[in-house]
N, C-alpha and C. Protein backbone atom coordinates (compact mmCIF):
# COMPACT_ATOMS: atom_id res chain seq x y z
N MET A 1 0.92 -0.74 -0.20
CA MET A 1 -0.08 0.04 0.45
C MET A 1 0.70 1.42 -0.02
N GLY A 2 0.58 1.85 -1.42
CA GLY A 2 2.05 3.49 -1.31
C GLY A 2 1.87 4.44 -0.24
N GLY A 3 0.17 4.80 -0.27
CA GLY A 3 -0.07 6.32 0.35
C GLY A 3 -1.71 6.51 0.17
N LEU A 4 -2.17 7.53 0.72
CA LEU A 4 -3.57 8.40 0.18
C LEU A 4 -3.99 9.29 0.64
N TYR A 5 -4.20 10.06 -0.22
CA TYR A 5 -5.79 11.43 -0.90
C TYR A 5 -5.89 11.91 -0.40
N TRP A 6 -6.33 13.00 -0.21
CA TRP A 6 -7.72 13.62 1.36
C TRP A 6 -8.69 14.24 -0.32
N SER A 7 -9.83 14.74 -0.78
CA SER A 7 -10.38 15.08 -0.85
C SER A 7 -11.54 15.59 -0.75
N ARG A 8 -12.26 17.33 -0.16
CA ARG A 8 -13.71 17.03 0.45
C ARG A 8 -14.80 17.66 0.00
N PHE A 9 -15.68 16.92 0.44
CA PHE A 9 -16.81 17.30 0.27
C PHE A 9 -18.52 18.37 0.48
N SER A 10 -18.52 18.58 0.09
CA SER A 10 -19.80 20.17 0.30
C SER A 10 -21.23 19.12 0.34
N GLN A 11 -21.46 18.08 -0.03
CA GLN A 11 -22.87 17.18 0.10
C GLN A 11 -22.68 17.43 0.80
N GLY A 12 -24.66 16.96 1.76
CA GLY A 12 -25.99 16.53 3.04
C GLY A 12 -25.11 14.70 2.79
N ILE A 13 -25.96 15.07 4.00
CA ILE A 13 -25.47 13.07 4.18
C ILE A 13 -26.76 12.91 5.09
N GLU A 14 -27.53 11.91 5.22
CA GLU A 14 -28.29 11.70 5.91
C GLU A 14 -28.15 10.57 6.63
N VAL A 15 -28.29 11.35 8.06
CA VAL A 15 -27.96 9.91 9.59
C VAL A 15 -29.35 8.76 10.32
N ALA A 16 -28.51 8.76 10.49
CA ALA A 16 -29.89 6.99 11.11
C ALA A 16 -29.26 6.41 12.15
N GLU A 17 -30.13 6.43 13.70
CA GLU A 17 -29.78 6.05 14.55
C GLU A 17 -30.21 3.89 14.83
N GLY A 18 -29.01 3.55 15.77
CA GLY A 18 -29.32 1.98 15.89
C GLY A 18 -28.91 1.99 17.25
N TYR A 19 -29.33 0.67 17.16
CA TYR A 19 -29.68 0.51 19.18
C TYR A 19 -28.43 -0.83 19.23
N PHE A 20 -27.88 -0.52 20.02
CA PHE A 20 -27.18 -1.62 20.18
C PHE A 20 -27.61 -2.70 22.60
N ARG A 21 -27.53 -4.17 21.62
CA ARG A 21 -27.74 -4.53 23.28
C ARG A 21 -26.92 -5.33 23.91
N PRO A 22 -26.18 -5.81 24.86
CA PRO A 22 -24.89 -6.32 25.79
C PRO A 22 -25.23 -8.50 25.01
N PHE A 23 -24.26 -8.97 24.59
CA PHE A 23 -24.04 -10.37 25.28
C PHE A 23 -22.93 -10.77 25.63
N GLN A 24 -22.92 -11.79 26.25
CA GLN A 24 -21.83 -12.36 27.11
C GLN A 24 -21.04 -13.39 25.29
N VAL A 25 -20.12 -13.72 25.40
CA VAL A 25 -19.03 -14.17 24.51
C VAL A 25 -18.01 -14.66 25.14
N GLY A 26 -18.59 -16.76 25.55
CA GLY A 26 -16.99 -17.28 26.50
C GLY A 26 -16.61 -16.74 27.71
N ASP A 27 -15.64 -16.91 28.12
CA ASP A 27 -15.61 -16.78 29.28
C ASP A 27 -13.81 -15.45 29.45
N LEU A 28 -13.88 -14.76 28.57
CA LEU A 28 -12.83 -13.95 28.77
C LEU A 28 -13.51 -12.77 28.59
N ALA A 29 -13.13 -11.96 30.40
CA ALA A 29 -13.49 -11.06 30.01
C ALA A 29 -12.36 -10.02 29.31
N ILE A 30 -13.45 -8.84 28.71
CA ILE A 30 -11.71 -7.24 28.02
C ILE A 30 -12.58 -6.58 29.35
N HIS A 31 -11.15 -6.08 29.47
CA HIS A 31 -11.47 -4.80 30.17
C HIS A 31 -10.88 -3.58 29.75
N VAL A 32 -11.97 -3.61 28.47
CA VAL A 32 -12.05 -2.02 28.23
C VAL A 32 -13.58 -1.61 28.18
N LEU A 33 -13.47 -0.06 28.95
CA LEU A 33 -14.65 0.77 29.18
C LEU A 33 -15.78 1.95 28.13
N ASN A 34 -14.78 2.16 27.00
CA ASN A 34 -15.05 2.65 25.75
C ASN A 34 -14.50 2.44 24.89
N TRP A 35 -15.27 3.16 23.79
CA TRP A 35 -14.78 4.60 23.14
C TRP A 35 -13.70 3.33 22.33
N ASP A 36 -13.68 2.57 21.84
CA ASP A 36 -12.59 1.14 20.90
C ASP A 36 -13.86 0.74 19.82
N THR A 37 -13.27 0.39 19.44
CA THR A 37 -13.85 0.35 17.48
C THR A 37 -13.40 -1.50 17.50
N LEU A 38 -15.14 -1.45 16.78
CA LEU A 38 -14.93 -3.24 17.11
C LEU A 38 -15.39 -3.30 14.96
N THR A 39 -14.95 -4.18 14.50
CA THR A 39 -14.86 -3.67 12.80
C THR A 39 -15.22 -5.04 12.44
N CYS A 40 -15.91 -6.05 11.96
CA CYS A 40 -15.92 -7.27 11.46
C CYS A 40 -15.34 -7.07 9.97
N ASN A 41 -14.21 -7.82 9.61
CA ASN A 41 -13.06 -7.74 8.76
C ASN A 41 -13.60 -8.89 7.71
N GLY A 42 -14.99 -9.30 7.84
CA GLY A 42 -14.88 -10.33 6.26
C GLY A 42 -14.53 -11.59 6.39
N ARG A 43 -14.59 -12.44 7.78
CA ARG A 43 -13.50 -13.02 7.20
C ARG A 43 -14.07 -14.15 8.59
N SER A 44 -14.87 -14.03 9.33
CA SER A 44 -15.38 -14.51 10.09
C SER A 44 -15.00 -14.26 11.65
N GLN A 45 -14.20 -12.57 11.56
CA GLN A 45 -13.66 -12.43 12.46
C GLN A 45 -14.19 -10.21 13.18
N ALA A 46 -14.13 -10.11 13.95
CA ALA A 46 -14.28 -9.65 14.55
C ALA A 46 -13.44 -8.43 15.53
N ILE A 47 -12.49 -7.59 14.67
CA ILE A 47 -11.77 -7.13 15.44
C ILE A 47 -11.67 -5.49 16.39
N LEU A 48 -11.51 -5.77 17.61
CA LEU A 48 -11.99 -4.85 18.32
C LEU A 48 -10.17 -4.01 19.01
N PHE A 49 -10.12 -2.85 19.11
CA PHE A 49 -8.73 -2.00 19.60
C PHE A 49 -8.61 -0.86 20.23
N GLY A 50 -8.00 -0.56 20.16
CA GLY A 50 -7.87 0.75 21.65
C GLY A 50 -9.21 0.73 22.08
N GLY A 51 -8.94 1.84 22.99
CA GLY A 51 -10.71 2.35 23.97
C GLY A 51 -9.44 2.95 24.97
N ARG A 52 -10.76 2.71 26.06
CA ARG A 52 -10.10 2.84 27.15
C ARG A 52 -10.37 1.99 28.79
N GLY A 53 -9.46 2.08 29.20
CA GLY A 53 -9.61 0.93 30.31
C GLY A 53 -10.53 1.06 31.43
N LEU A 54 -10.57 0.00 32.44
CA LEU A 54 -11.22 0.31 33.80
C LEU A 54 -10.67 1.84 33.89
N GLY A 55 -9.31 1.93 34.24
CA GLY A 55 -8.68 2.63 35.20
C GLY A 55 -8.69 3.97 34.30
N TYR A 56 -9.61 4.55 32.68
CA TYR A 56 -9.78 5.55 32.19
C TYR A 56 -8.55 5.57 31.54
N GLU A 57 -7.46 4.73 31.54
CA GLU A 57 -6.36 4.72 30.59
C GLU A 57 -6.49 4.31 28.81
N VAL A 58 -5.78 5.06 28.66
CA VAL A 58 -5.67 5.04 26.57
C VAL A 58 -5.33 3.56 26.44
N LEU A 59 -6.18 3.07 25.47
CA LEU A 59 -5.32 1.52 25.48
C LEU A 59 -4.60 1.21 23.95
N ASN A 60 -3.85 0.35 23.59
CA ASN A 60 -3.80 -0.52 21.90
C ASN A 60 -4.18 -2.08 22.40
N ASP A 61 -4.51 -2.33 23.20
CA ASP A 61 -5.39 -3.08 23.35
C ASP A 61 -6.03 -4.09 21.92
N LEU A 62 -5.63 -4.73 21.03
CA LEU A 62 -6.03 -6.02 20.20
C LEU A 62 -6.86 -7.62 20.59
N TRP A 63 -7.81 -7.64 19.84
CA TRP A 63 -8.90 -8.65 20.36
C TRP A 63 -9.19 -8.92 19.18
N LEU A 64 -9.52 -10.32 18.82
CA LEU A 64 -10.27 -10.90 17.54
C LEU A 64 -11.88 -12.00 18.54
N LEU A 65 -12.38 -11.44 18.01
CA LEU A 65 -13.37 -12.09 18.35
C LEU A 65 -14.32 -13.29 16.92
N ASP A 66 -13.28 -14.79 17.41
CA ASP A 66 -13.53 -15.54 16.19
C ASP A 66 -15.63 -15.96 15.96
N THR A 67 -15.82 -15.98 15.15
CA THR A 67 -17.18 -16.87 14.96
C THR A 67 -17.14 -17.34 13.86
N SER A 68 -16.17 -17.94 13.88
CA SER A 68 -16.01 -19.57 12.78
C SER A 68 -17.07 -20.42 13.20
N GLU A 69 -16.85 -20.50 14.47
CA GLU A 69 -17.05 -21.73 14.94
C GLU A 69 -18.73 -21.03 15.80
N LEU A 70 -19.43 -22.17 16.12
CA LEU A 70 -21.37 -21.99 17.34
C LEU A 70 -20.59 -21.07 18.42
N TYR A 71 -19.57 -22.57 19.24
CA TYR A 71 -19.64 -21.05 20.40
C TYR A 71 -18.50 -20.41 19.93
N LEU A 72 -18.92 -19.22 20.23
CA LEU A 72 -17.72 -17.29 20.32
C LEU A 72 -16.54 -17.55 21.22
N LYS A 73 -15.59 -16.73 20.71
CA LYS A 73 -14.61 -16.27 21.37
C LYS A 73 -13.37 -15.61 21.25
N TRP A 74 -12.90 -15.12 23.10
CA TRP A 74 -12.64 -13.55 21.95
C TRP A 74 -10.96 -14.15 22.12
N VAL A 75 -9.74 -13.51 21.33
CA VAL A 75 -8.66 -14.31 21.08
C VAL A 75 -8.27 -12.56 21.36
N GLN A 76 -7.04 -12.51 22.50
CA GLN A 76 -5.97 -11.72 22.85
C GLN A 76 -5.10 -11.46 21.91
N ILE A 77 -4.57 -10.42 21.91
CA ILE A 77 -3.36 -10.36 20.99
C ILE A 77 -2.26 -9.45 21.11
N LEU A 78 -1.19 -10.12 21.75
CA LEU A 78 0.04 -9.16 22.85
C LEU A 78 0.80 -8.81 22.25
N TYR A 79 1.19 -7.66 21.94
CA TYR A 79 2.52 -7.32 21.04
C TYR A 79 2.98 -6.21 22.37
N GLU A 80 3.85 -5.75 21.23
CA GLU A 80 4.96 -4.11 22.06
C GLU A 80 5.04 -3.64 21.96
N LEU A 81 5.14 -2.07 22.52
CA LEU A 81 4.82 -1.25 20.52
C LEU A 81 6.09 -0.62 20.26
N GLN A 82 7.15 -1.30 21.44
CA GLN A 82 8.53 -0.86 21.13
C GLN A 82 9.21 -1.65 19.98
N ALA A 83 8.52 -2.64 19.33
CA ALA A 83 9.32 -3.18 17.97
C ALA A 83 8.16 -3.56 17.00
N ILE A 84 7.95 -1.93 17.31
CA ILE A 84 7.37 -1.18 15.39
C ILE A 84 7.39 0.22 15.27
N PRO A 85 7.91 0.36 14.52
CA PRO A 85 8.23 1.99 14.05
C PRO A 85 7.19 3.28 14.56
N ASP A 86 7.27 3.42 15.22
CA ASP A 86 6.18 4.69 15.72
C ASP A 86 5.60 4.09 16.14
N GLY A 87 5.59 2.77 16.45
CA GLY A 87 4.78 1.99 17.56
C GLY A 87 3.92 2.72 18.45
N ALA A 88 4.69 4.37 19.60
CA ALA A 88 4.39 4.40 20.22
C ALA A 88 3.37 5.81 20.69
N SER A 89 2.69 6.06 19.21
CA SER A 89 1.66 6.54 18.75
C SER A 89 0.20 5.86 18.38
N LEU A 90 0.23 4.42 18.67
CA LEU A 90 -0.71 4.12 18.42
C LEU A 90 -1.77 3.19 19.17
N PRO A 91 -2.10 4.39 21.31
CA PRO A 91 -2.96 3.92 21.48
C PRO A 91 -3.95 5.20 21.90
N ARG A 92 -4.83 5.15 21.34
CA ARG A 92 -5.63 6.30 21.18
C ARG A 92 -7.34 5.71 21.53
N VAL A 93 -8.76 6.94 21.53
CA VAL A 93 -9.51 5.94 22.01
C VAL A 93 -10.27 7.15 21.06
N GLY A 94 -11.38 7.30 20.28
CA GLY A 94 -11.98 7.98 19.60
C GLY A 94 -12.00 7.69 18.05
N HIS A 95 -11.03 6.69 17.06
CA HIS A 95 -11.00 6.56 16.72
C HIS A 95 -11.74 5.75 15.44
N SER A 96 -11.33 5.44 13.90
CA SER A 96 -12.34 4.91 13.58
C SER A 96 -11.34 3.58 13.08
N ALA A 97 -11.87 2.87 12.75
CA ALA A 97 -11.38 1.13 12.31
C ALA A 97 -12.62 1.16 10.58
N THR A 98 -11.93 1.15 9.85
CA THR A 98 -12.35 0.27 8.59
C THR A 98 -11.78 -0.38 7.63
N VAL A 99 -13.17 -1.68 7.08
CA VAL A 99 -12.49 -2.45 6.32
C VAL A 99 -12.08 -1.90 5.35
N VAL A 100 -11.01 -2.13 4.25
CA VAL A 100 -10.59 -1.55 3.65
C VAL A 100 -10.50 -2.60 1.89
N LEU A 101 -9.36 -2.90 1.39
CA LEU A 101 -9.36 -3.85 0.27
C LEU A 101 -8.43 -4.73 0.75
N GLY A 102 -8.60 -6.28 0.68
CA GLY A 102 -7.81 -7.57 1.71
C GLY A 102 -8.74 -7.66 2.57
N GLY A 103 -9.49 -6.97 3.53
CA GLY A 103 -10.37 -6.94 4.75
C GLY A 103 -8.80 -6.64 5.63
N ARG A 104 -8.25 -6.30 5.31
CA ARG A 104 -7.32 -5.05 6.53
C ARG A 104 -8.00 -3.84 6.85
N LEU A 105 -8.19 -3.15 7.67
CA LEU A 105 -8.21 -2.42 8.82
C LEU A 105 -7.13 -0.54 8.82
N LEU A 106 -7.98 -0.08 8.22
CA LEU A 106 -7.78 1.14 8.12
C LEU A 106 -8.06 1.97 9.12
N ILE A 107 -6.90 2.35 10.53
CA ILE A 107 -7.80 3.35 11.38
C ILE A 107 -6.76 4.43 11.81
N TYR A 108 -7.57 5.86 11.62
CA TYR A 108 -7.40 7.07 11.71
C TYR A 108 -7.89 7.55 13.00
N GLY A 109 -7.34 8.56 12.90
CA GLY A 109 -8.11 10.12 13.72
C GLY A 109 -7.50 8.78 15.46
N GLY A 110 -9.09 9.29 16.39
CA GLY A 110 -8.52 8.96 17.66
C GLY A 110 -7.37 10.54 18.32
N GLU A 111 -8.21 9.88 19.67
CA GLU A 111 -7.28 11.01 20.77
C GLU A 111 -6.29 10.22 22.09
N ASP A 112 -5.38 10.92 22.77
CA ASP A 112 -4.21 10.33 23.37
C ASP A 112 -4.32 10.71 24.22
N SER A 113 -4.05 9.67 25.65
CA SER A 113 -4.16 9.86 27.63
C SER A 113 -3.98 11.34 27.29
N TYR A 114 -3.77 12.86 26.57
CA TYR A 114 -3.92 13.62 26.67
C TYR A 114 -4.60 14.57 26.08
N ARG A 115 -5.88 14.02 25.63
CA ARG A 115 -6.66 13.91 24.38
C ARG A 115 -6.47 15.26 22.86
N HIS A 116 -4.96 14.81 22.90
CA HIS A 116 -4.33 15.60 22.21
C HIS A 116 -4.89 14.68 19.85
N ARG A 117 -5.47 15.14 19.81
CA ARG A 117 -5.66 14.51 17.83
C ARG A 117 -4.99 14.31 17.07
N LYS A 118 -5.50 12.85 16.82
CA LYS A 118 -4.00 12.76 16.22
C LYS A 118 -5.00 13.11 15.12
N GLU A 119 -4.22 13.06 13.75
CA GLU A 119 -4.79 13.08 11.95
C GLU A 119 -3.90 11.37 11.47
N ASP A 120 -3.01 10.88 11.87
CA ASP A 120 -2.27 9.75 11.48
C ASP A 120 -3.59 8.20 10.89
N PHE A 121 -3.03 7.91 9.88
CA PHE A 121 -3.39 7.10 9.22
C PHE A 121 -2.32 4.93 9.85
N TRP A 122 -2.66 4.08 9.81
CA TRP A 122 -2.63 3.43 10.34
C TRP A 122 -2.81 1.35 9.37
N VAL A 123 -1.97 1.14 9.24
CA VAL A 123 -3.19 -0.28 7.60
C VAL A 123 -2.84 -1.54 9.28
N LEU A 124 -3.82 -2.71 9.86
CA LEU A 124 -3.82 -3.38 9.93
C LEU A 124 -4.16 -4.26 9.18
N ASP A 125 -3.04 -5.21 9.44
CA ASP A 125 -2.82 -6.59 9.23
C ASP A 125 -3.67 -8.11 9.88
N ILE A 126 -4.82 -8.36 10.00
CA ILE A 126 -4.58 -9.61 11.02
C ILE A 126 -4.15 -10.46 9.76
N SER A 127 -4.20 -11.19 9.20
CA SER A 127 -3.81 -12.39 8.04
C SER A 127 -2.18 -11.90 8.43
N ALA A 128 -1.51 -11.27 8.89
CA ALA A 128 0.26 -11.27 8.51
C ALA A 128 0.82 -11.99 10.06
N ILE A 129 -0.52 -12.63 11.20
CA ILE A 129 -0.74 -13.70 12.29
C ILE A 129 -0.17 -14.82 11.51
N PRO A 130 0.99 -15.30 11.92
CA PRO A 130 1.14 -17.37 10.82
C PRO A 130 -0.03 -18.03 11.77
N SER A 131 -1.07 -17.92 12.86
CA SER A 131 -1.25 -18.63 13.32
C SER A 131 -2.19 -18.15 14.43
N ILE A 132 -3.48 -18.37 14.80
CA ILE A 132 -5.14 -18.12 16.39
C ILE A 132 -5.50 -19.12 16.94
N GLY A 133 -4.84 -19.88 17.22
CA GLY A 133 -5.13 -21.13 17.04
C GLY A 133 -4.93 -21.03 19.02
N VAL A 134 -3.72 -20.49 19.33
CA VAL A 134 -3.02 -19.98 20.52
C VAL A 134 -4.01 -19.17 21.27
N GLN A 135 -4.27 -18.71 22.52
CA GLN A 135 -4.77 -18.01 23.31
C GLN A 135 -4.51 -17.79 24.05
N PRO A 136 -3.61 -16.56 25.44
CA PRO A 136 -3.50 -15.06 24.06
C PRO A 136 -2.64 -16.03 22.90
N ILE A 137 -2.08 -14.82 21.69
CA ILE A 137 -1.45 -14.85 20.80
C ILE A 137 0.57 -13.73 21.00
N ILE A 138 1.02 -14.05 21.26
CA ILE A 138 1.58 -13.20 21.56
C ILE A 138 3.13 -13.08 20.29
N LEU A 139 3.13 -11.72 19.88
CA LEU A 139 3.62 -11.25 18.81
C LEU A 139 5.05 -10.46 19.52
N ASN A 140 6.91 -11.14 18.89
CA ASN A 140 7.90 -10.93 19.27
C ASN A 140 7.97 -10.53 18.37
N SER A 141 8.43 -10.74 17.00
CA SER A 141 8.73 -10.70 16.10
C SER A 141 8.13 -9.19 15.14
N LYS A 142 9.71 -8.69 15.04
CA LYS A 142 9.50 -7.36 14.02
C LYS A 142 9.19 -7.85 13.35
N GLU A 143 9.49 -8.44 12.48
CA GLU A 143 9.05 -9.23 10.69
C GLU A 143 7.78 -8.81 10.74
N ILE A 144 7.40 -9.70 12.24
CA ILE A 144 5.28 -10.03 12.03
C ILE A 144 4.52 -8.88 12.11
N LEU A 145 5.25 -8.55 13.09
CA LEU A 145 4.92 -6.55 13.50
C LEU A 145 4.35 -5.42 12.76
N ALA A 146 6.24 -5.27 11.66
CA ALA A 146 6.09 -4.39 10.56
C ALA A 146 4.99 -5.13 9.26
N ARG A 147 4.24 -5.63 9.10
CA ARG A 147 3.99 -6.78 8.50
C ARG A 147 2.40 -6.46 8.71
N MET A 148 1.94 -6.91 9.81
CA MET A 148 -0.01 -6.21 10.74
C MET A 148 1.01 -4.66 11.05
N TRP A 149 0.98 -3.68 11.24
CA TRP A 149 1.05 -2.78 11.70
C TRP A 149 2.13 -1.74 10.26
N LYS A 150 0.65 -0.57 9.60
CA LYS A 150 1.47 -0.18 9.07
C LYS A 150 1.14 1.20 8.92
N PRO A 151 1.42 2.58 8.84
CA PRO A 151 1.58 3.92 9.20
C PRO A 151 1.60 4.15 7.65
N LEU A 152 0.55 4.87 6.90
CA LEU A 152 0.49 5.62 6.09
C LEU A 152 0.67 6.96 5.94
N LYS A 153 1.45 6.87 4.89
CA LYS A 153 1.82 8.53 4.63
C LYS A 153 0.17 8.90 3.79
N ALA A 154 0.08 10.29 4.08
CA ALA A 154 -1.61 11.24 3.45
C ALA A 154 -0.68 12.28 3.23
N ASN A 155 -1.30 12.58 1.50
CA ASN A 155 -1.18 13.80 0.58
C ASN A 155 -2.84 14.03 0.73
N GLY A 156 -2.30 15.25 -0.08
CA GLY A 156 -2.98 16.97 -0.55
C GLY A 156 -4.29 16.88 0.02
N SER A 157 -5.15 17.65 0.34
CA SER A 157 -6.16 18.63 1.42
C SER A 157 -6.64 17.78 2.00
N GLN A 158 -5.06 17.89 3.43
CA GLN A 158 -5.40 17.19 4.46
C GLN A 158 -5.92 17.94 5.76
N PRO A 159 -7.20 17.52 6.29
CA PRO A 159 -7.95 18.02 7.81
C PRO A 159 -7.62 17.80 8.65
N HIS A 160 -7.86 19.57 10.21
CA HIS A 160 -7.54 18.69 10.94
C HIS A 160 -7.35 17.58 11.76
N GLY A 161 -6.98 17.41 12.87
CA GLY A 161 -6.91 16.05 13.59
C GLY A 161 -8.20 15.56 13.97
N ARG A 162 -9.16 14.50 14.06
CA ARG A 162 -9.99 14.58 15.10
C ARG A 162 -10.34 13.15 14.88
N SER A 163 -11.38 13.89 16.17
CA SER A 163 -11.97 12.49 17.20
C SER A 163 -13.03 12.27 17.11
N PHE A 164 -13.95 11.03 17.17
CA PHE A 164 -14.73 10.61 17.93
C PHE A 164 -16.14 11.12 15.97
N HIS A 165 -15.45 10.51 14.74
CA HIS A 165 -15.71 10.89 13.92
C HIS A 165 -16.12 9.59 13.25
N ARG A 166 -16.86 10.62 12.58
CA ARG A 166 -17.13 8.23 11.37
C ARG A 166 -16.73 8.02 9.93
N ALA A 167 -16.48 7.11 9.67
CA ALA A 167 -16.07 6.11 8.67
C ALA A 167 -16.27 5.36 8.07
N CYS A 168 -16.54 5.45 6.41
CA CYS A 168 -17.18 4.24 6.01
C CYS A 168 -16.14 3.66 4.21
N ALA A 169 -16.02 2.84 4.08
CA ALA A 169 -15.70 2.62 2.47
C ALA A 169 -17.10 2.22 1.85
N ASP A 170 -16.22 2.68 0.20
CA ASP A 170 -16.55 1.78 -0.54
C ASP A 170 -16.86 0.04 -0.78
N HIS A 171 -17.98 0.46 -1.89
CA HIS A 171 -18.09 -1.81 -2.09
C HIS A 171 -16.26 -2.18 -1.92
N TYR A 172 -15.45 -2.14 -2.65
CA TYR A 172 -14.16 -1.92 -3.83
C TYR A 172 -13.22 -1.82 -2.29
N GLY A 173 -13.38 -1.11 -1.16
CA GLY A 173 -12.75 -0.87 -0.14
C GLY A 173 -11.16 0.10 -0.86
N CYS A 174 -11.59 0.35 -1.54
CA CYS A 174 -10.47 1.39 -2.22
C CYS A 174 -10.37 3.26 -1.92
N HIS A 175 -11.66 3.83 -1.06
CA HIS A 175 -12.05 4.89 -0.84
C HIS A 175 -12.87 4.85 -0.07
N VAL A 176 -12.20 5.75 1.46
CA VAL A 176 -13.28 5.82 2.57
C VAL A 176 -13.66 7.06 2.52
N TYR A 177 -14.98 7.44 2.88
CA TYR A 177 -15.86 8.44 3.07
C TYR A 177 -15.45 9.07 4.44
N VAL A 178 -14.94 10.19 6.04
CA VAL A 178 -14.96 10.48 6.48
C VAL A 178 -16.04 11.40 7.51
N PHE A 179 -16.38 11.35 8.47
CA PHE A 179 -17.21 12.21 8.25
C PHE A 179 -17.64 13.30 10.11
N GLY A 180 -17.37 14.47 9.91
CA GLY A 180 -17.74 15.00 11.64
C GLY A 180 -16.36 14.84 12.18
N GLY A 181 -16.57 14.69 13.41
CA GLY A 181 -15.28 14.62 14.62
C GLY A 181 -15.27 16.02 15.33
N MET A 182 -14.91 15.42 16.44
CA MET A 182 -14.54 16.49 17.16
C MET A 182 -12.95 17.12 16.48
N VAL A 183 -12.41 18.36 16.75
CA VAL A 183 -11.38 19.11 15.96
C VAL A 183 -10.68 19.89 17.09
N GLY A 184 -9.82 20.59 16.58
CA GLY A 184 -8.86 20.45 17.31
C GLY A 184 -7.51 20.16 17.69
N GLY A 185 -6.91 20.88 18.62
CA GLY A 185 -5.60 21.02 19.91
C GLY A 185 -5.96 20.40 21.38
N LEU A 186 -5.10 20.49 22.01
CA LEU A 186 -5.79 20.33 23.41
C LEU A 186 -6.72 20.85 24.17
N LEU A 187 -8.14 19.67 24.50
CA LEU A 187 -8.83 20.27 24.84
C LEU A 187 -8.96 20.43 26.55
N GLN A 188 -8.95 21.65 27.53
CA GLN A 188 -8.79 22.42 28.14
C GLN A 188 -9.70 22.34 28.45
N HIS A 189 -10.36 21.21 30.18
CA HIS A 189 -11.69 21.69 31.18
C HIS A 189 -12.18 22.91 30.95
N ALA A 190 -11.06 23.48 31.44
CA ALA A 190 -11.90 24.81 31.99
C ALA A 190 -12.15 25.71 30.73
N GLU A 191 -12.10 25.41 29.66
CA GLU A 191 -12.34 26.04 28.46
C GLU A 191 -12.93 25.24 27.49
N PRO A 192 -14.27 25.49 27.68
CA PRO A 192 -15.14 25.40 26.61
C PRO A 192 -15.63 25.45 25.23
N SER A 193 -14.59 26.14 24.96
CA SER A 193 -14.39 27.67 23.78
C SER A 193 -13.55 26.76 22.72
N GLU A 194 -12.62 24.88 23.54
CA GLU A 194 -11.83 24.45 23.43
C GLU A 194 -12.62 23.43 22.21
N LEU A 195 -13.76 23.18 22.58
CA LEU A 195 -14.54 21.96 22.08
C LEU A 195 -15.38 22.28 21.08
N ARG A 196 -14.64 21.72 19.29
CA ARG A 196 -15.53 22.10 18.33
C ARG A 196 -15.85 21.11 17.82
N PHE A 197 -16.65 20.80 16.67
CA PHE A 197 -17.05 19.48 16.06
C PHE A 197 -17.37 20.06 14.72
N ASP A 198 -16.59 18.97 14.00
CA ASP A 198 -17.18 19.89 12.38
C ASP A 198 -17.90 18.54 11.70
N ARG A 199 -17.92 19.55 10.63
CA ARG A 199 -19.20 19.07 9.72
C ARG A 199 -19.15 18.37 8.24
N GLU A 200 -17.53 18.88 8.07
CA GLU A 200 -17.64 18.51 6.63
C GLU A 200 -17.52 17.07 6.80
N LEU A 201 -17.26 16.06 5.67
CA LEU A 201 -17.62 15.04 4.50
C LEU A 201 -16.06 15.30 3.16
N PHE A 202 -15.14 14.03 3.78
CA PHE A 202 -13.66 13.53 3.19
C PHE A 202 -13.88 12.86 2.68
N LEU A 203 -13.21 12.57 1.72
CA LEU A 203 -13.11 11.34 0.75
C LEU A 203 -10.98 11.68 0.90
N VAL A 204 -10.83 9.93 1.12
CA VAL A 204 -9.83 9.00 0.90
C VAL A 204 -9.92 8.18 0.04
N GLU A 205 -8.77 8.33 -0.75
CA GLU A 205 -8.45 7.56 -1.45
C GLU A 205 -6.94 7.16 -0.98
N LEU A 206 -7.23 5.49 -0.87
CA LEU A 206 -6.17 4.20 -1.34
C LEU A 206 -5.36 4.07 -2.25
N VAL A 207 -4.23 4.30 -2.39
CA VAL A 207 -3.37 4.90 -3.55
C VAL A 207 -2.56 2.67 -3.04
N PHE A 208 -1.99 1.76 -3.86
CA PHE A 208 -1.85 0.52 -3.64
C PHE A 208 -0.73 1.06 -4.40
């Protein structure tokens, strides 16, 4: 994957609401509080990434929900951020995780523990993991992690960093639409004027 290009849209969009209900999966507890992403990758798997933990800390946790069998189960993937180039920037909340070409996930934006808005892109390729049979999966190989996590360089009219936006891909997984979200730099609790929401729609074109 070579990179991506930003474009700006001005059309209106239609928003619909959905409702969710909790359910129990297996016996393994996941200590994620909120603002993570859970994305189906089209391979009988759902991928959970990031969010805040029980102590309100920002996480880089990675879990797989295996739906290939009747009995659903969570599989945790453990890895060291130091083994990934620029991996220290991976922990985040309020990001988006969108399935793109090849069943990979395009992770964009979010914010860190200081509520600083992110504007970076990462591609997460679960297929780089040799086997998902063992639980939890512990990855120590820098070669595997380099194939699994890849930062992308963005070109074009790049918007401000944002969090709590929404994103979706087209049928081919080559174009991703990004809408709204919180923009700006550090959010000071005593300065509510720093809390700004964007209403623009952007197109991200992936270049392979």
